[in-house]
Protein backbone atom coordinates (compact mmCIF):
# COMPACT_ATOMS: atom_id res chain seq x y z
CA MET A 1 3.42 17.26 -29.44
CA GLN A 2 2.58 13.64 -29.43
CA ILE A 3 3.18 12.31 -25.82
CA CYS A 4 3.10 8.59 -24.66
CA VAL A 5 2.16 8.46 -21.23
CA ALA A 6 3.74 5.26 -19.84
CA GLN A 7 2.16 3.96 -16.50
CA LEU A 8 4.36 1.11 -15.69
CA ASN A 9 5.31 -1.21 -12.77
CA PRO A 10 8.95 -1.18 -12.22
CA LYS A 11 10.74 -3.61 -9.55
CA VAL A 12 12.79 -1.94 -7.05
CA GLY A 13 16.52 -2.35 -7.69
CA ASP A 14 15.87 -4.30 -11.15
CA LEU A 15 17.79 -1.70 -13.20
CA LYS A 16 18.07 -4.22 -16.04
CA GLY A 17 14.46 -5.27 -16.10
CA ASN A 18 13.22 -1.53 -15.75
CA LEU A 19 15.37 -0.51 -18.56
CA GLU A 20 14.04 -3.23 -20.68
CA LEU A 21 10.53 -2.04 -19.90
CA LEU A 22 11.46 1.43 -21.00
CA ARG A 23 13.13 0.04 -24.28
CA GLN A 24 10.10 -2.05 -25.15
CA THR A 25 7.68 0.95 -24.60
CA VAL A 26 9.77 3.25 -26.64
CA GLN A 27 10.11 0.62 -29.55
CA ASP A 28 6.35 -0.06 -29.46
CA SER A 29 5.30 3.50 -29.43
CA SER A 30 4.67 5.03 -33.04
CA GLY A 31 4.37 8.71 -34.17
CA VAL A 32 5.43 9.72 -30.78
CA ASP A 33 7.62 12.89 -30.03
CA LEU A 34 8.09 12.18 -26.09
CA VAL A 35 7.73 9.10 -24.00
CA VAL A 36 7.30 9.84 -20.24
CA PHE A 37 7.99 7.44 -17.50
CA PRO A 38 7.00 7.86 -13.70
CA GLU A 39 9.29 9.18 -10.81
CA LEU A 40 12.26 7.03 -10.02
CA PHE A 41 11.44 4.63 -12.75
CA LEU A 42 14.84 3.34 -13.41
CA SER A 43 15.53 2.42 -9.76
CA GLY A 44 11.89 1.64 -8.78
CA TYR A 45 10.13 3.39 -5.91
CA PRO A 46 11.04 3.35 -3.12
CA PRO A 47 14.67 2.30 -3.49
CA GLN A 48 15.45 2.89 0.38
CA ASP A 49 18.90 1.93 1.48
CA LEU A 50 19.93 0.71 -1.97
CA LEU A 51 20.70 4.36 -2.27
CA GLN A 52 23.49 4.16 0.04
CA ARG A 53 25.36 1.46 -1.77
CA LYS A 54 28.03 2.73 -4.11
CA ASP A 55 27.90 -0.31 -6.36
CA PHE A 56 24.13 0.36 -6.84
CA LEU A 57 24.65 4.10 -7.84
CA ALA A 58 27.50 3.02 -10.14
CA CYS A 59 25.06 0.63 -11.72
CA VAL A 60 22.39 3.36 -12.01
CA GLN A 61 25.10 5.47 -14.00
CA ASP A 62 25.81 2.57 -16.16
CA HIS A 63 22.26 2.04 -17.13
CA LEU A 64 21.84 5.75 -17.90
CA ASP A 65 24.75 5.42 -20.10
CA MET A 66 23.02 2.38 -21.84
CA LEU A 67 19.60 4.41 -22.15
CA GLN A 68 21.70 7.45 -23.62
CA ASP A 69 23.05 4.99 -26.35
CA PHE A 70 19.69 3.53 -26.91
CA THR A 71 18.00 6.72 -27.76
CA ARG A 72 20.17 6.94 -30.81
CA THR A 73 18.17 4.13 -32.35
CA TYR A 74 14.96 6.20 -32.20
CA PRO A 75 16.31 9.72 -32.72
CA GLU A 76 12.85 11.17 -33.38
CA LYS A 77 11.80 10.30 -29.86
CA ALA A 78 12.63 12.00 -26.58
CA VAL A 79 12.49 10.08 -23.41
CA LEU A 80 11.86 11.52 -19.98
CA LEU A 81 12.26 9.35 -17.01
CA GLY A 82 12.60 9.41 -13.12
CA THR A 83 16.02 8.20 -11.66
CA PRO A 84 18.45 8.67 -8.94
CA TRP A 85 21.08 11.19 -10.13
CA PRO A 86 24.59 11.19 -8.45
CA GLU A 87 26.35 14.55 -9.04
CA ASP A 88 29.19 16.11 -7.20
CA ASP A 89 29.06 13.87 -4.08
CA ARG A 90 25.31 14.66 -3.86
CA LEU A 91 22.28 12.54 -4.72
CA TYR A 92 19.15 13.81 -6.21
CA ASN A 93 15.60 12.51 -7.08
CA ALA A 94 15.84 13.56 -10.84
CA ALA A 95 13.93 13.59 -14.08
CA VAL A 96 16.26 13.31 -17.07
CA LEU A 97 15.40 14.33 -20.56
CA MET A 98 17.28 12.38 -23.41
CA GLN A 99 17.11 12.35 -27.21
CA ASN A 100 19.43 11.01 -29.93
CA GLY A 101 22.11 10.06 -27.58
CA MET A 102 22.23 13.36 -25.65
CA ILE A 103 21.09 14.49 -22.35
CA LEU A 104 18.89 17.55 -23.12
CA GLY A 105 18.43 18.40 -19.45
CA VAL A 106 18.14 17.39 -15.80
CA TYR A 107 15.70 18.43 -13.23
CA ARG A 108 16.33 17.91 -9.59
CA LYS A 109 13.50 17.57 -7.30
CA GLN A 110 13.12 20.54 -4.95
CA VAL A 111 10.47 19.59 -2.48
CA LEU A 112 11.18 16.13 -1.21
CA SER A 113 8.51 13.85 -0.01
CA ARG A 114 8.39 12.08 3.46
CA PHE A 115 6.08 9.02 2.88
CA ARG A 116 5.43 6.32 5.30
CA GLY A 117 8.09 3.67 4.37
CA PHE A 118 10.27 6.13 2.48
CA ASP A 119 11.54 9.62 3.78
CA GLU A 120 13.18 11.13 0.59
CA THR A 121 14.89 13.85 2.76
CA TYR A 122 17.13 11.10 4.29
CA TYR A 123 18.53 10.06 1.07
CA PHE A 124 18.33 12.90 -1.43
CA ASP A 125 19.63 16.56 -1.51
CA SER A 126 17.18 19.16 -2.79
CA GLY A 127 17.57 20.75 -6.13
CA THR A 128 17.50 24.57 -6.69
CA ASP A 129 16.71 24.94 -10.65
CA LEU A 130 13.23 25.78 -11.57
CA GLY A 131 12.88 22.66 -13.82
CA LEU A 132 12.41 24.18 -17.45
CA LEU A 133 13.71 22.04 -20.18
CA SER A 134 13.52 22.42 -23.82
CA CYS A 135 12.40 19.59 -25.97
CA GLY A 136 12.00 20.60 -29.82
CA ASP A 137 10.01 23.65 -30.15
CA HIS A 138 8.45 23.11 -26.58
CA ARG A 139 9.40 24.31 -23.08
CA LEU A 140 8.69 21.73 -20.57
CA GLY A 141 7.94 22.67 -16.98
CA LEU A 142 8.91 19.55 -14.57
CA SER A 143 7.86 18.59 -11.36
CA LEU A 144 8.13 15.43 -9.30
CA GLY A 145 5.81 13.64 -6.88
CA LEU A 146 3.56 16.07 -4.79
CA GLU A 147 5.69 19.11 -5.30
CA LEU A 148 3.47 20.65 -7.86
CA ASP A 149 1.24 23.43 -6.45
CA GLN A 150 -0.18 26.65 -7.56
CA LYS A 151 2.95 28.60 -6.85
CA ARG A 152 5.05 26.33 -8.84
CA ALA A 153 2.61 26.11 -11.74
CA THR A 154 2.49 29.85 -12.05
CA GLU A 155 6.17 30.14 -11.98
CA LEU A 156 6.78 27.72 -14.56
CA LYS A 157 4.16 29.36 -16.76
CA ALA A 158 5.69 32.77 -16.31
CA ALA A 159 9.13 31.39 -17.09
CA GLY A 160 7.85 30.32 -20.51
CA ALA A 161 6.68 26.61 -19.97
CA ASP A 162 3.98 25.65 -22.48
CA LEU A 163 3.42 22.21 -20.64
CA ILE A 164 3.93 20.86 -17.15
CA LEU A 165 4.96 17.27 -16.85
CA ASN A 166 4.63 15.60 -13.36
CA LEU A 167 6.28 12.49 -12.73
CA ALA A 168 4.98 10.73 -9.71
CA ALA A 169 5.24 7.75 -7.51
CA VAL A 170 2.76 8.62 -4.76
CA PRO A 171 1.45 5.75 -2.44
CA PHE A 172 -2.26 5.05 -2.57
CA ARG A 173 -4.63 6.46 0.05
CA LEU A 174 -8.32 6.11 0.01
CA GLY A 175 -9.97 9.13 -1.51
CA GLU A 176 -6.74 11.00 -2.38
CA ASP A 177 -6.47 10.29 -6.09
CA GLU A 178 -9.92 12.01 -6.79
CA ARG A 179 -9.17 14.92 -4.65
CA TYR A 180 -5.58 15.53 -6.29
CA LEU A 181 -7.14 15.17 -9.90
CA LYS A 182 -9.64 17.98 -8.85
CA GLU A 183 -6.68 20.18 -7.52
CA VAL A 184 -4.56 19.67 -10.74
CA ARG A 185 -7.47 20.59 -12.81
CA HIS A 186 -7.74 23.86 -10.88
CA LEU A 187 -4.08 24.45 -11.15
CA ALA A 188 -4.15 24.10 -15.03
CA GLN A 189 -7.22 26.34 -15.31
CA THR A 190 -5.70 29.06 -13.09
CA ALA A 191 -2.13 29.01 -14.65
CA ARG A 192 -3.56 28.46 -17.99
CA ILE A 193 -1.13 25.69 -18.75
CA PRO A 194 -1.82 21.93 -19.67
CA ILE A 195 -0.62 19.37 -17.14
CA VAL A 196 0.44 15.71 -17.59
CA ARG A 197 0.71 13.56 -14.66
CA VAL A 198 2.55 10.04 -15.03
CA SER A 199 2.08 7.84 -12.18
CA GLN A 200 3.60 4.63 -11.11
CA VAL A 201 1.56 1.65 -10.61
CA GLY A 202 2.27 -1.54 -8.64
CA ALA A 203 3.22 -2.26 -5.09
CA ASN A 204 6.66 -2.42 -3.43
CA ASP A 205 6.69 -3.86 0.09
CA GLY A 206 4.02 -2.18 2.01
CA LEU A 207 3.41 0.71 -0.51
CA ILE A 208 0.82 0.45 -3.04
CA PHE A 209 0.81 2.71 -6.22
CA SER A 210 -2.53 2.88 -7.98
CA GLY A 211 -1.60 4.51 -11.19
CA GLY A 212 -4.50 6.69 -12.51
CA SER A 213 -2.20 8.80 -14.73
CA PHE A 214 -4.17 11.78 -16.43
CA VAL A 215 -3.88 14.68 -18.69
CA VAL A 216 -5.74 18.09 -18.50
CA ASP A 217 -5.69 20.88 -20.97
CA LYS A 218 -4.99 24.70 -19.97
CA THR A 219 -8.72 25.16 -19.27
CA GLY A 220 -8.72 22.27 -16.76
CA ASN A 221 -10.67 19.96 -18.94
CA LEU A 222 -9.68 16.24 -18.57
CA LYS A 223 -8.37 14.87 -21.82
CA ALA A 224 -7.14 11.40 -20.81
CA LYS A 225 -7.43 9.31 -17.62
CA LEU A 226 -5.47 6.03 -17.31
CA PRO A 227 -7.07 3.04 -15.36
CA ASP A 228 -6.17 2.40 -11.74
CA VAL A 229 -4.15 -0.62 -10.34
CA GLN A 230 -3.08 -1.71 -13.89
CA THR A 231 -0.29 -0.96 -16.29
CA ALA A 232 -1.47 1.14 -19.21
CA GLU A 233 -0.28 3.56 -21.87
CA ALA A 234 -1.97 6.51 -23.61
CA LEU A 235 -1.01 8.52 -26.69
CA VAL A 236 -1.93 12.12 -26.13
CA ASP A 237 -1.91 15.05 -28.58
CA LEU A 238 -2.48 18.19 -26.57
CA ALA A 239 -2.99 20.21 -29.83
CA ALA A 240 -5.80 17.91 -30.98
CA PRO A 241 -9.48 18.71 -29.99
CA SER A 242 -10.97 16.17 -27.61
CA PRO A 243 -14.25 15.81 -25.87
CA GLN A 244 -14.35 16.73 -22.14
CA MET A 245 -14.12 13.84 -19.98
CA GLU A 246 -16.14 13.60 -16.74
CA LEU A 247 -15.34 10.94 -14.15
CA GLU A 248 -18.02 9.48 -11.71
CA ALA A 249 -16.89 9.04 -8.16
CA GLY A 250 -15.46 5.53 -7.80
CA ASP A 251 -16.63 2.79 -5.49
CA GLU A 252 -14.16 3.40 -2.52
CA THR A 253 -14.67 -0.20 -1.25
CA GLU A 254 -13.76 -1.69 -4.70
CA GLN A 255 -10.68 0.67 -4.77
CA VAL A 256 -9.41 -0.69 -1.55
CA TYR A 257 -9.99 -4.32 -2.60
CA GLN A 258 -8.43 -3.78 -5.94
CA ALA A 259 -5.38 -2.10 -4.16
CA LEU A 260 -4.86 -4.90 -1.59
CA VAL A 261 -5.06 -7.59 -4.41
CA LEU A 262 -2.29 -5.60 -6.25
CA GLY A 263 -0.36 -5.39 -3.15
CA VAL A 264 -0.34 -9.16 -2.37
CA ARG A 265 0.10 -9.93 -6.18
CA ASP A 266 3.05 -7.79 -6.48
CA TYR A 267 4.67 -8.74 -3.24
CA MET A 268 4.55 -12.39 -4.31
CA ARG A 269 5.80 -11.82 -7.84
CA LYS A 270 8.58 -9.50 -6.89
CA CYS A 271 9.84 -11.80 -4.07
CA GLY A 272 9.74 -14.72 -6.54
CA MET A 273 7.08 -16.57 -4.54
CA GLU A 274 4.03 -18.37 -6.00
CA ASN A 275 1.99 -19.85 -3.20
CA ILE A 276 0.10 -18.64 -0.29
CA ILE A 277 -0.86 -20.41 3.03
CA ILE A 278 -3.65 -18.99 5.15
CA GLY A 279 -5.37 -20.06 8.33
CA LEU A 280 -9.11 -20.14 7.87
CA SER A 281 -10.92 -19.75 11.19
CA GLY A 282 -14.47 -19.47 9.63
CA GLY A 283 -14.43 -15.83 10.75
CA LEU A 284 -14.68 -12.64 8.70
CA ASP A 285 -10.98 -11.59 8.45
CA SER A 286 -9.48 -14.89 7.35
CA ALA A 287 -12.26 -15.09 4.71
CA VAL A 288 -11.75 -11.61 3.29
CA SER A 289 -7.81 -12.41 3.16
CA ALA A 290 -8.43 -15.64 1.36
CA CYS A 291 -10.59 -13.90 -1.25
CA ILE A 292 -7.78 -11.29 -1.85
CA ALA A 293 -5.13 -14.06 -1.95
CA ALA A 294 -7.13 -16.10 -4.58
CA ASP A 295 -7.61 -13.05 -6.71
CA ALA A 296 -3.95 -12.07 -6.44
CA VAL A 297 -2.19 -15.37 -7.36
CA GLY A 298 -5.09 -17.62 -8.44
CA PRO A 299 -7.00 -19.95 -6.44
CA GLU A 300 -4.53 -23.04 -7.42
CA HIS A 301 -1.85 -21.30 -5.49
CA VAL A 302 -3.86 -20.78 -2.26
CA TRP A 303 -3.96 -23.38 0.55
CA GLY A 304 -6.45 -22.74 3.36
CA ILE A 305 -6.00 -24.58 6.72
CA THR A 306 -8.68 -24.63 9.21
CA GLN A 307 -7.55 -25.73 12.76
CA PRO A 308 -10.31 -26.31 15.12
CA GLY A 309 -9.58 -26.45 18.83
CA PRO A 310 -11.50 -27.41 21.97
CA TYR A 311 -13.66 -24.20 21.69
CA SER A 312 -14.23 -24.01 17.83
CA SER A 313 -17.83 -24.33 16.77
CA ALA A 314 -18.74 -26.91 14.22
CA GLY A 315 -20.26 -23.89 12.18
CA SER A 316 -16.88 -22.29 11.92
CA VAL A 317 -15.24 -25.41 10.44
CA GLU A 318 -18.18 -25.80 8.02
CA ASP A 319 -17.97 -22.13 7.08
CA ALA A 320 -14.19 -22.28 6.43
CA GLN A 321 -14.73 -25.39 4.15
CA THR A 322 -17.61 -23.72 2.16
CA LEU A 323 -15.44 -20.61 1.61
CA ALA A 324 -12.78 -22.85 0.26
CA GLU A 325 -15.10 -24.73 -2.04
CA ASN A 326 -16.53 -21.38 -3.34
CA LEU A 327 -13.02 -20.02 -3.99
CA LYS A 328 -11.80 -23.45 -5.31
CA ILE A 329 -8.70 -23.21 -3.26
CA ARG A 330 -7.00 -26.25 -1.67
CA PHE A 331 -8.22 -27.08 1.90
CA ALA A 332 -7.17 -29.10 4.86
CA ILE A 333 -8.23 -29.59 8.51
CA LEU A 334 -5.66 -29.78 11.09
CA PRO A 335 -7.09 -30.07 14.48
CA ILE A 336 -5.20 -28.68 17.53
CA THR A 337 -7.16 -30.09 20.50
CA GLU A 338 -4.91 -32.84 21.22
CA LEU A 339 -1.72 -30.62 20.81
CA TYR A 340 -3.43 -28.18 23.31
CA GLU A 341 -4.32 -30.71 25.83
CA ALA A 342 -0.64 -32.07 25.61
CA THR A 343 0.62 -28.67 26.07
CA LEU A 344 -1.50 -28.05 29.07
CA SER A 345 -0.48 -31.49 30.45
CA SER A 346 3.18 -30.58 30.15
CA LEU A 347 2.46 -27.25 31.95
CA GLY A 348 0.29 -28.90 34.46
CA GLU A 349 2.68 -28.74 37.45
CA LEU A 350 3.53 -25.08 36.81
CA PHE A 351 0.03 -24.06 36.08
CA LEU A 352 -1.41 -25.91 39.23
CA GLY A 353 -3.59 -23.78 41.42
CA THR A 354 -4.07 -20.94 38.81
CA GLU A 355 -7.11 -20.11 36.99
CA MET A 356 -7.61 -20.25 33.29
CA ASN A 357 -6.83 -16.84 31.47
CA VAL A 358 -5.23 -15.53 28.55
CA ALA A 359 -2.22 -17.72 28.77
CA GLU A 360 -4.36 -20.78 27.90
CA GLU A 361 -6.18 -18.88 25.11
CA ASN A 362 -2.94 -17.93 23.47
CA ILE A 363 -1.52 -21.30 23.57
CA GLN A 364 -4.19 -22.33 20.99
CA ALA A 365 -3.28 -19.44 18.80
CA ARG A 366 0.39 -20.30 18.99
CA LEU A 367 -0.06 -23.89 18.17
CA ARG A 368 -1.92 -22.68 15.03
CA GLY A 369 0.75 -20.43 14.06
CA ASN A 370 3.40 -23.15 14.51
CA GLN A 371 1.51 -25.49 12.24
CA LEU A 372 1.21 -22.93 9.42
CA MET A 373 4.84 -21.95 9.61
CA ALA A 374 5.71 -25.67 9.42
CA LEU A 375 3.72 -26.26 6.24
CA SER A 376 5.37 -23.08 4.93
CA ASN A 377 8.83 -24.52 5.67
CA LYS A 378 8.05 -27.97 4.41
CA PHE A 379 6.09 -27.24 1.16
CA GLY A 380 6.97 -23.48 0.57
CA GLY A 381 4.40 -20.64 0.41
CA LEU A 382 3.87 -17.26 2.16
CA VAL A 383 1.86 -17.24 5.26
CA LEU A 384 -0.63 -14.44 5.54
CA THR A 385 -1.79 -12.98 8.84
CA ASN A 386 -5.41 -11.95 9.18
CA SER A 387 -5.38 -9.15 11.80
CA ASN A 388 -7.25 -6.05 10.90
CA LYS A 389 -6.27 -2.47 11.93
CA SER A 390 -8.74 -2.46 14.75
CA GLU A 391 -7.34 -5.57 16.41
CA LEU A 392 -3.63 -4.62 15.71
CA ALA A 393 -4.15 -1.17 17.24
CA VAL A 394 -5.37 -2.42 20.61
CA GLY A 395 -3.33 -5.76 20.61
CA TYR A 396 -6.24 -7.90 20.19
CA CYS A 397 -3.92 -10.50 18.46
CA THR A 398 -1.26 -13.02 19.58
CA LEU A 399 2.35 -12.76 18.99
CA TYR A 400 3.75 -16.00 17.54
CA GLY A 401 0.30 -16.97 17.09
CA ASP A 402 -2.19 -15.35 14.67
CA MET A 403 0.46 -12.71 14.12
CA SER A 404 2.81 -15.37 12.64
CA GLY A 405 3.41 -14.78 8.81
CA GLY A 406 5.07 -12.59 6.26
CA LEU A 407 2.33 -10.23 5.07
CA ALA A 408 -0.69 -8.60 6.65
CA PRO A 409 -3.03 -7.66 3.83
CA LEU A 410 -5.90 -6.41 6.17
CA ALA A 411 -3.76 -4.68 8.91
CA ASP A 412 -4.40 -1.11 7.56
CA CYS A 413 -8.25 -2.01 7.32
CA TYR A 414 -10.55 -1.05 10.16
CA LYS A 415 -12.92 -3.88 11.17
CA THR A 416 -15.85 -1.81 9.76
CA LEU A 417 -14.05 -1.68 6.47
CA VAL A 418 -13.43 -5.42 6.59
CA TYR A 419 -17.33 -5.77 6.62
CA GLN A 420 -17.63 -3.49 3.64
CA LEU A 421 -15.07 -5.59 1.73
CA ALA A 422 -17.05 -8.69 2.54
CA TYR A 423 -20.30 -7.35 1.15
CA TYR A 424 -18.39 -6.25 -1.84
CA ILE A 425 -16.99 -9.74 -2.42
CA ASN A 426 -20.58 -11.12 -2.11
CA ARG A 427 -22.04 -8.43 -4.40
CA GLU A 428 -23.07 -10.85 -7.13
CA GLN A 429 -23.05 -14.15 -5.48
CA GLU A 430 -22.31 -15.80 -2.16
CA ILE A 431 -18.62 -16.47 -1.84
CA ILE A 432 -18.09 -15.71 1.85
CA PRO A 433 -20.75 -17.79 3.70
CA TRP A 434 -23.25 -15.23 5.02
CA ASN A 435 -23.03 -16.85 8.44
CA THR A 436 -19.54 -15.80 8.57
CA ILE A 437 -20.41 -12.15 7.99
CA GLU A 438 -23.58 -12.22 10.12
CA LYS A 439 -22.35 -14.01 13.22
CA PRO A 440 -20.95 -12.05 16.23
CA PRO A 441 -17.04 -11.88 15.74
CA SER A 442 -15.20 -14.26 18.11
CA ALA A 443 -11.67 -15.63 18.49
CA GLU A 444 -13.27 -18.93 19.91
CA LEU A 445 -10.51 -19.41 22.36
CA ARG A 446 -12.71 -19.94 25.42
CA PRO A 447 -16.32 -21.00 25.75
CA ASN A 448 -18.92 -18.72 24.05
CA GLN A 449 -16.33 -16.03 23.51
CA ARG A 450 -17.28 -12.74 21.71
CA ASP A 451 -15.26 -9.79 20.71
CA ASP A 452 -17.74 -7.32 22.22
CA GLU A 453 -17.01 -8.87 25.54
CA SER A 454 -13.36 -7.52 25.31
CA LEU A 455 -13.69 -4.57 23.03
CA PRO A 456 -16.12 -1.77 22.55
CA PRO A 457 -18.50 -2.19 19.58
CA TYR A 458 -16.47 -1.80 16.31
CA ASP A 459 -17.92 1.33 15.07
CA ILE A 460 -16.99 3.14 18.26
CA LEU A 461 -13.63 1.48 18.58
CA ASP A 462 -12.74 2.34 14.94
CA GLY A 463 -13.88 5.85 15.53
CA ILE A 464 -11.75 6.46 18.35
CA ILE A 465 -8.62 4.81 16.82
CA ARG A 466 -8.96 6.85 13.74
CA LEU A 467 -9.17 10.06 15.62
CA TYR A 468 -6.13 9.18 17.92
CA LEU A 469 -3.88 7.45 15.28
CA ASP A 470 -4.70 9.08 11.95
CA GLU A 471 -5.86 12.50 12.98
CA GLY A 472 -3.69 12.89 16.05
CA LEU A 473 -6.14 14.15 18.36
CA SER A 474 -5.69 14.20 22.13
CA PRO A 475 -7.77 12.20 24.63
CA GLY A 476 -9.75 15.38 25.54
CA GLU A 477 -10.31 16.34 21.88
CA ILE A 478 -11.79 12.91 21.23
CA ILE A 479 -13.95 12.93 24.28
CA ALA A 480 -15.30 16.27 22.96
CA GLN A 481 -16.56 14.47 19.99
CA ASP A 482 -19.22 12.48 22.20
CA TYR A 483 -17.15 9.52 22.93
CA LYS A 484 -17.40 8.34 26.59
CA GLU A 485 -14.37 9.27 28.57
CA GLU A 486 -13.78 5.87 30.07
CA THR A 487 -13.99 4.11 26.63
CA VAL A 488 -11.67 6.69 25.07
CA ARG A 489 -8.95 6.52 27.93
CA TRP A 490 -9.10 2.67 27.79
CA VAL A 491 -8.67 2.57 24.02
CA ILE A 492 -5.74 5.00 24.16
CA ARG A 493 -4.09 3.24 26.99
CA THR A 494 -4.30 -0.18 25.24
CA ILE A 495 -3.07 1.22 21.94
CA ASP A 496 0.03 2.88 23.67
CA ARG A 497 0.67 -0.39 25.67
CA ASN A 498 0.78 -2.54 22.52
CA ASP A 499 3.35 -0.78 20.43
CA TYR A 500 5.70 -3.48 21.27
CA LYS A 501 3.37 -6.00 19.33
CA ARG A 502 3.21 -3.88 16.24
CA ARG A 503 6.99 -3.56 16.10
CA GLN A 504 6.96 -7.40 15.53
CA ALA A 505 4.08 -7.44 13.18
CA ALA A 506 4.20 -8.76 9.59
CA LEU A 507 4.61 -6.37 6.74
CA ILE A 508 1.38 -4.15 6.41
CA LEU A 509 -0.16 -3.15 3.13
CA ARG A 510 -1.01 0.51 3.56
CA ILE A 511 -4.25 1.91 2.22
CA THR A 512 -5.84 4.11 4.66
CA THR A 513 -3.42 5.83 6.96
CA PRO A 514 -1.79 9.22 6.02
CA VAL A 515 0.93 8.80 3.54
CA LEU A 516 2.65 12.06 4.72
CA GLY A 517 4.84 12.05 7.92
CA GLU A 518 6.51 9.40 9.88
CA ASP A 519 5.55 6.06 10.92
CA ARG A 520 4.46 5.79 14.57
CA ASN A 521 7.62 5.13 16.38
CA MET A 522 6.89 5.62 20.02
CA PRO A 523 9.46 4.66 22.78
CA LEU A 524 8.47 1.18 24.43
CA ALA A 525 10.01 1.90 27.83
CA ALA A 526 8.39 5.24 28.58
CA CYS A 527 5.41 6.95 30.13
CA LYS A 528 2.80 7.63 27.32
CA GLU A 529 -0.17 8.32 29.17
CA PHE A 530 -0.23 12.09 28.84
CA ASP A 531 -2.90 14.26 27.59
CA PRO A 532 -1.37 17.34 25.74
CA ALA A 533 -4.23 19.40 26.95
CA GLY A 534 -2.79 19.17 30.43
CA ARG A 535 -4.91 16.40 31.81
CA ARG A 536 -3.51 13.21 33.26
CA SER A 537 -5.01 10.03 31.93
């Protein structure tokens, strides 16, 4: 059987465009028996509340009818795609097999996924059939997403399947693709059945899909591997001999960088936007964000704005300008000192007799945010926010200030990872000024301010946040891993007290947090300082 693996980038809700992508792929494939597309390809993944609209589901059915008619044009080719499937007042996440104007079979997903950003159990019913479809002389075992495991592979093989097709749209998570490939190779070898995984590529809202489709034979040998973060197609003949492929472990920092570039590019493209506006402080986070932006949409579509205030160093302005020159992006300087002094003057009577504190610091951040949003309104362009995960977790950022914007490319990257990204960007030549990377981090909102005066060192802070937010450990369990109790309890209290900020944060591109389970959704007006081990914080 000649199979075309179509690793494509559908747009959510664009039924017409996605169907056209499918038609073009089928037309361009020659000598093919079966063309396979990813999970929920017709609707795009994740379709979210579009699935609750009757007009959308009616349109899905119309496009399935059009596809059925289209397959008569190429009667020798079968088409397998993922789609929402309305049936008897129920809705399924399904795989539909068509050929020559006929529906050969439908598989309804049994084990529904619960990703951050899309809980399938809220929208879909679970199927009950095993997922065995006939295509010519072959018996195809079907699975969708992450439901393929040892039990399912063994059951499909025992039922007569000679090939398993896994249609997937699984959000990117650092390190998971390599782990899953290893797992599937073991499944194929144990069940003695070849497995074809066809993955979605692209980004939809905050979820990034990295592609990386692959084919393994019944001995677990890798026969084909499609590239990450780009559309691609591969023609595979499972009966033909082919050399065993061995993949070297990829550079994880490069994987993260390319995933973020894809996330920004697709968000811009699918929302119909061209230009990006970004505040350049001369610091590390804004520099890395600017590099991602320039790679995503092209330097001619990026406008960097540096906004020196009363406590900004001359070196920071120079670093911002040098970065803009290296990236060849548009650049402007908009000082805020006069605006800041005018604001303090207007508040003078009310602030009389008080000491300078975070209020005066945040005025500067909010003036900068106001300017960036004004430029966005006047000239068009998406404002990027530059907060990283470490800062956002503990609220070391200003609402309506440096949090102003529509997309947060680094908000799921720990500060330690941001440093790794900076070194990756400079791997061949200096793009980010080395001074930006090497100087002590500072918000420059008061004289001689440094991050380490307000926060623990980032390696310690990131370790505690990772254990608490990503692994769900209690304070006592984190302390047991040789972190100081005072530091652990301060970090956790600070995280819990800043949930209200994260509720108002810009859209986050997700690359490191667990993709299974619910988003953190803690009550705001509640007592949260409790150690499940029985110890009061």
